[in-house]
Amino acid sequence: MKIEVLGSGCANCKKLEENTRTACKELGLTAKIIKVQDFKKIASYGVMATPALVVDGEVKIYGRVPDVKEIKELLKG
């Protein structure tokens, strides 16, 4: 599983990355988590509001920071 955290590196982006790592750990997933700060790459996903969470190439959440529980539900689905 490849997970990308899209954003500029702001506090919300860092919180999304932290919540995602926690969710993966709690689920026992060995996902590759990548921080993406290149705005051209972010725009290529059609994301206009960060932070955003992309799982295996599919945008799951953007423009807000989901809690660990919500991220776990997204990763299980």
N, C-alpha and C. Protein backbone atom coordinates (compact mmCIF):
# COMPACT_ATOMS: atom_id res chain seq x y z
N MET A 1 0.85 -1.18 0.00
CA MET A 1 0.00 0.00 0.00
C MET A 1 0.89 1.24 0.00
N LYS A 2 0.54 2.19 -0.85
CA LYS A 2 1.28 3.44 -0.94
C LYS A 2 0.35 4.57 -0.49
N ILE A 3 0.79 5.31 0.51
CA ILE A 3 0.01 6.42 1.05
C ILE A 3 0.80 7.70 0.86
N GLU A 4 0.14 8.71 0.30
CA GLU A 4 0.78 10.00 0.11
C GLU A 4 0.04 11.06 0.93
N VAL A 5 0.81 11.86 1.65
CA VAL A 5 0.27 12.98 2.39
C VAL A 5 0.66 14.22 1.59
N LEU A 6 -0.34 14.91 1.03
CA LEU A 6 -0.08 16.07 0.20
C LEU A 6 -0.23 17.34 1.01
N GLY A 7 0.74 18.23 0.88
CA GLY A 7 0.65 19.51 1.57
C GLY A 7 1.96 20.25 1.59
N SER A 8 1.89 21.47 2.09
CA SER A 8 3.05 22.36 2.06
C SER A 8 4.02 22.13 3.21
N GLY A 9 3.62 21.34 4.18
CA GLY A 9 4.46 21.14 5.36
C GLY A 9 3.95 21.92 6.56
N CYS A 10 2.74 22.44 6.45
CA CYS A 10 2.13 23.21 7.54
C CYS A 10 1.76 22.29 8.71
N ALA A 11 1.27 22.88 9.79
CA ALA A 11 0.91 22.11 10.99
C ALA A 11 -0.17 21.08 10.68
N ASN A 12 -1.15 21.43 9.85
CA ASN A 12 -2.20 20.47 9.50
C ASN A 12 -1.65 19.29 8.69
N CYS A 13 -0.71 19.57 7.81
CA CYS A 13 -0.10 18.51 7.01
C CYS A 13 0.68 17.55 7.91
N LYS A 14 1.40 18.11 8.85
CA LYS A 14 2.17 17.28 9.78
C LYS A 14 1.24 16.45 10.66
N LYS A 15 0.12 17.02 11.08
CA LYS A 15 -0.84 16.29 11.90
C LYS A 15 -1.47 15.15 11.10
N LEU A 16 -1.77 15.39 9.82
CA LEU A 16 -2.32 14.34 8.98
C LEU A 16 -1.33 13.19 8.83
N GLU A 17 -0.06 13.52 8.63
CA GLU A 17 0.97 12.48 8.53
C GLU A 17 1.06 11.69 9.84
N GLU A 18 1.06 12.39 10.96
CA GLU A 18 1.13 11.74 12.26
C GLU A 18 -0.07 10.81 12.48
N ASN A 19 -1.28 11.30 12.19
CA ASN A 19 -2.49 10.48 12.34
C ASN A 19 -2.46 9.26 11.42
N THR A 20 -1.93 9.44 10.21
CA THR A 20 -1.85 8.34 9.24
C THR A 20 -0.88 7.28 9.73
N ARG A 21 0.27 7.69 10.22
CA ARG A 21 1.24 6.73 10.75
C ARG A 21 0.67 5.97 11.95
N THR A 22 -0.05 6.67 12.81
CA THR A 22 -0.68 6.02 13.96
C THR A 22 -1.73 5.00 13.51
N ALA A 23 -2.55 5.38 12.55
CA ALA A 23 -3.59 4.48 12.03
C ALA A 23 -2.97 3.23 11.42
N CYS A 24 -1.91 3.39 10.64
CA CYS A 24 -1.24 2.24 10.03
C CYS A 24 -0.66 1.32 11.10
N LYS A 25 -0.06 1.91 12.11
CA LYS A 25 0.53 1.12 13.19
C LYS A 25 -0.55 0.34 13.93
N GLU A 26 -1.66 1.01 14.25
CA GLU A 26 -2.75 0.34 14.97
C GLU A 26 -3.39 -0.77 14.14
N LEU A 27 -3.40 -0.62 12.82
CA LEU A 27 -3.96 -1.65 11.94
C LEU A 27 -2.93 -2.73 11.58
N GLY A 28 -1.68 -2.50 11.92
CA GLY A 28 -0.63 -3.45 11.59
C GLY A 28 -0.26 -3.44 10.11
N LEU A 29 -0.47 -2.30 9.45
CA LEU A 29 -0.16 -2.18 8.03
C LEU A 29 1.29 -1.76 7.83
N THR A 30 1.90 -2.32 6.81
CA THR A 30 3.25 -1.90 6.43
C THR A 30 3.14 -1.09 5.15
N ALA A 31 2.61 0.10 5.28
CA ALA A 31 2.40 0.97 4.13
C ALA A 31 3.61 1.88 3.95
N LYS A 32 3.84 2.26 2.70
CA LYS A 32 4.88 3.24 2.39
C LYS A 32 4.21 4.61 2.43
N ILE A 33 4.62 5.45 3.39
CA ILE A 33 4.02 6.77 3.56
C ILE A 33 4.99 7.82 3.03
N ILE A 34 4.51 8.60 2.07
CA ILE A 34 5.34 9.59 1.39
C ILE A 34 4.75 10.98 1.58
N LYS A 35 5.60 11.94 1.93
CA LYS A 35 5.16 13.33 2.00
C LYS A 35 5.38 13.96 0.63
N VAL A 36 4.35 14.61 0.10
CA VAL A 36 4.44 15.27 -1.20
C VAL A 36 4.22 16.76 -0.99
N GLN A 37 5.25 17.54 -1.30
CA GLN A 37 5.15 18.99 -1.15
C GLN A 37 5.25 19.73 -2.48
N ASP A 38 5.42 19.00 -3.56
CA ASP A 38 5.52 19.60 -4.90
C ASP A 38 4.12 19.97 -5.38
N PHE A 39 3.88 21.26 -5.57
CA PHE A 39 2.53 21.72 -5.90
C PHE A 39 2.05 21.22 -7.26
N LYS A 40 2.95 20.97 -8.20
CA LYS A 40 2.54 20.40 -9.49
C LYS A 40 2.01 18.98 -9.29
N LYS A 41 2.68 18.22 -8.46
CA LYS A 41 2.23 16.85 -8.16
C LYS A 41 0.89 16.88 -7.43
N ILE A 42 0.77 17.79 -6.46
CA ILE A 42 -0.49 17.92 -5.72
C ILE A 42 -1.62 18.29 -6.68
N ALA A 43 -1.38 19.26 -7.55
CA ALA A 43 -2.40 19.69 -8.51
C ALA A 43 -2.75 18.57 -9.48
N SER A 44 -1.80 17.67 -9.77
CA SER A 44 -2.08 16.58 -10.71
C SER A 44 -3.16 15.64 -10.18
N TYR A 45 -3.38 15.66 -8.87
CA TYR A 45 -4.46 14.86 -8.27
C TYR A 45 -5.78 15.62 -8.26
N GLY A 46 -5.77 16.88 -8.70
CA GLY A 46 -6.97 17.70 -8.67
C GLY A 46 -7.26 18.28 -7.30
N VAL A 47 -6.28 18.23 -6.42
CA VAL A 47 -6.45 18.73 -5.05
C VAL A 47 -6.14 20.23 -5.04
N MET A 48 -7.11 21.01 -4.58
CA MET A 48 -6.90 22.45 -4.51
C MET A 48 -6.82 22.94 -3.06
N ALA A 49 -7.11 22.06 -2.12
CA ALA A 49 -7.04 22.41 -0.70
C ALA A 49 -6.29 21.32 0.04
N THR A 50 -5.25 21.71 0.76
CA THR A 50 -4.46 20.73 1.51
C THR A 50 -4.76 20.89 2.98
N PRO A 51 -4.45 19.90 3.78
CA PRO A 51 -3.75 18.67 3.43
C PRO A 51 -4.69 17.69 2.73
N ALA A 52 -4.08 16.69 2.11
CA ALA A 52 -4.85 15.65 1.44
C ALA A 52 -4.19 14.30 1.67
N LEU A 53 -5.02 13.27 1.63
CA LEU A 53 -4.55 11.90 1.83
C LEU A 53 -4.87 11.10 0.57
N VAL A 54 -3.84 10.50 -0.02
CA VAL A 54 -4.00 9.70 -1.23
C VAL A 54 -3.56 8.28 -0.91
N VAL A 55 -4.43 7.32 -1.20
CA VAL A 55 -4.13 5.91 -0.94
C VAL A 55 -4.14 5.17 -2.27
N ASP A 56 -3.00 4.58 -2.61
CA ASP A 56 -2.85 3.85 -3.87
C ASP A 56 -3.37 4.65 -5.07
N GLY A 57 -3.01 5.94 -5.11
CA GLY A 57 -3.35 6.79 -6.24
C GLY A 57 -4.73 7.40 -6.20
N GLU A 58 -5.54 7.12 -5.18
CA GLU A 58 -6.90 7.64 -5.08
C GLU A 58 -6.99 8.64 -3.92
N VAL A 59 -7.47 9.85 -4.24
CA VAL A 59 -7.64 10.88 -3.21
C VAL A 59 -8.79 10.45 -2.30
N LYS A 60 -8.50 10.33 -1.01
CA LYS A 60 -9.50 9.90 -0.04
C LYS A 60 -10.07 11.07 0.76
N ILE A 61 -9.22 12.02 1.13
CA ILE A 61 -9.63 13.17 1.95
C ILE A 61 -8.80 14.37 1.52
N TYR A 62 -9.42 15.54 1.50
CA TYR A 62 -8.64 16.75 1.26
C TYR A 62 -9.29 17.93 1.97
N GLY A 63 -8.45 18.90 2.31
CA GLY A 63 -8.93 20.13 2.90
C GLY A 63 -9.20 20.09 4.39
N ARG A 64 -8.90 18.96 5.04
CA ARG A 64 -9.11 18.86 6.48
C ARG A 64 -8.24 17.74 7.04
N VAL A 65 -8.17 17.67 8.36
CA VAL A 65 -7.37 16.64 9.03
C VAL A 65 -8.30 15.64 9.71
N PRO A 66 -8.45 14.45 9.14
CA PRO A 66 -9.29 13.43 9.78
C PRO A 66 -8.58 12.86 11.01
N ASP A 67 -9.38 12.36 11.96
CA ASP A 67 -8.77 11.75 13.13
C ASP A 67 -8.30 10.33 12.80
N VAL A 68 -7.60 9.71 13.73
CA VAL A 68 -7.03 8.38 13.51
C VAL A 68 -8.13 7.37 13.18
N LYS A 69 -9.24 7.44 13.88
CA LYS A 69 -10.35 6.50 13.65
C LYS A 69 -10.85 6.57 12.21
N GLU A 70 -11.03 7.78 11.69
CA GLU A 70 -11.52 7.94 10.32
C GLU A 70 -10.50 7.42 9.31
N ILE A 71 -9.24 7.68 9.56
CA ILE A 71 -8.20 7.18 8.64
C ILE A 71 -8.18 5.66 8.65
N LYS A 72 -8.33 5.06 9.81
CA LYS A 72 -8.36 3.59 9.89
C LYS A 72 -9.52 3.04 9.05
N GLU A 73 -10.68 3.69 9.10
CA GLU A 73 -11.83 3.24 8.31
C GLU A 73 -11.52 3.36 6.81
N LEU A 74 -10.86 4.44 6.41
CA LEU A 74 -10.50 4.62 4.99
C LEU A 74 -9.52 3.53 4.54
N LEU A 75 -8.57 3.19 5.39
CA LEU A 75 -7.55 2.23 5.01
C LEU A 75 -8.10 0.80 5.00
N LYS A 76 -9.09 0.54 5.81
CA LYS A 76 -9.71 -0.80 5.83
C LYS A 76 -10.59 -1.02 4.61
N GLY A 77 -11.22 0.09 4.13
CA GLY A 77 -12.18 0.01 3.04
C GLY A 77 -11.54 -0.31 1.76
